[in-house]
Amino acid sequence: MRPDLHDLVAARLRADGQRYTASRRRLVDILAGAGRPVSIPEVLSAGPGLPQSSAYRNLVVLEQAGAVGRVLAPDGHARYELAEGLVEHHHHLVCVACGSVSDFTLAARSERTIDRAVEDVAGATGFRPSGHRLEILGICAHCPA
């Protein structure tokens, strides 16, 4: 975990007019420790005693402040992770069978190739991109083929 993670999250919350409460800090610790996007049931099992309604409400606040990102999986359930800028730039492998979401990073050369493709599309359409995300859909190693 980044040594300044809590300072960065607190600053994002302050900028959004919110406080960095103990429950929100606990959620950030859970997400930082998970190492991948996690569902609400996974958050709750990692944080015994954390009320489900509080987890949902605080994840929404953290997301609105730009501290948490949400990944929608094909199973219809959201997975939560720390937002870009708080963790390294990465992409996702999404299993269409079980809904699991795993992080992966690309080599710098591959990222530059994607950036050039985004610039090409943007130039042709007048779109002004602020970044990119790549989600690869398929079947994970734990699900039957």
Foldseek 3Di string as FASTA:
>chain_A
DDPCLVVVLQVLLVVVVHGCDPLLVLLQVQQVVVQWFAFLVSSCVVPPPRDSVNVVVSQVSSVVSQQKDWDQALVRTITIHGGDVSDDDWEWEAENPPGDIHTDHDDPVVLVVVVVVVVVVCVVPVDDDPGDYDYHYHHDPVDDD
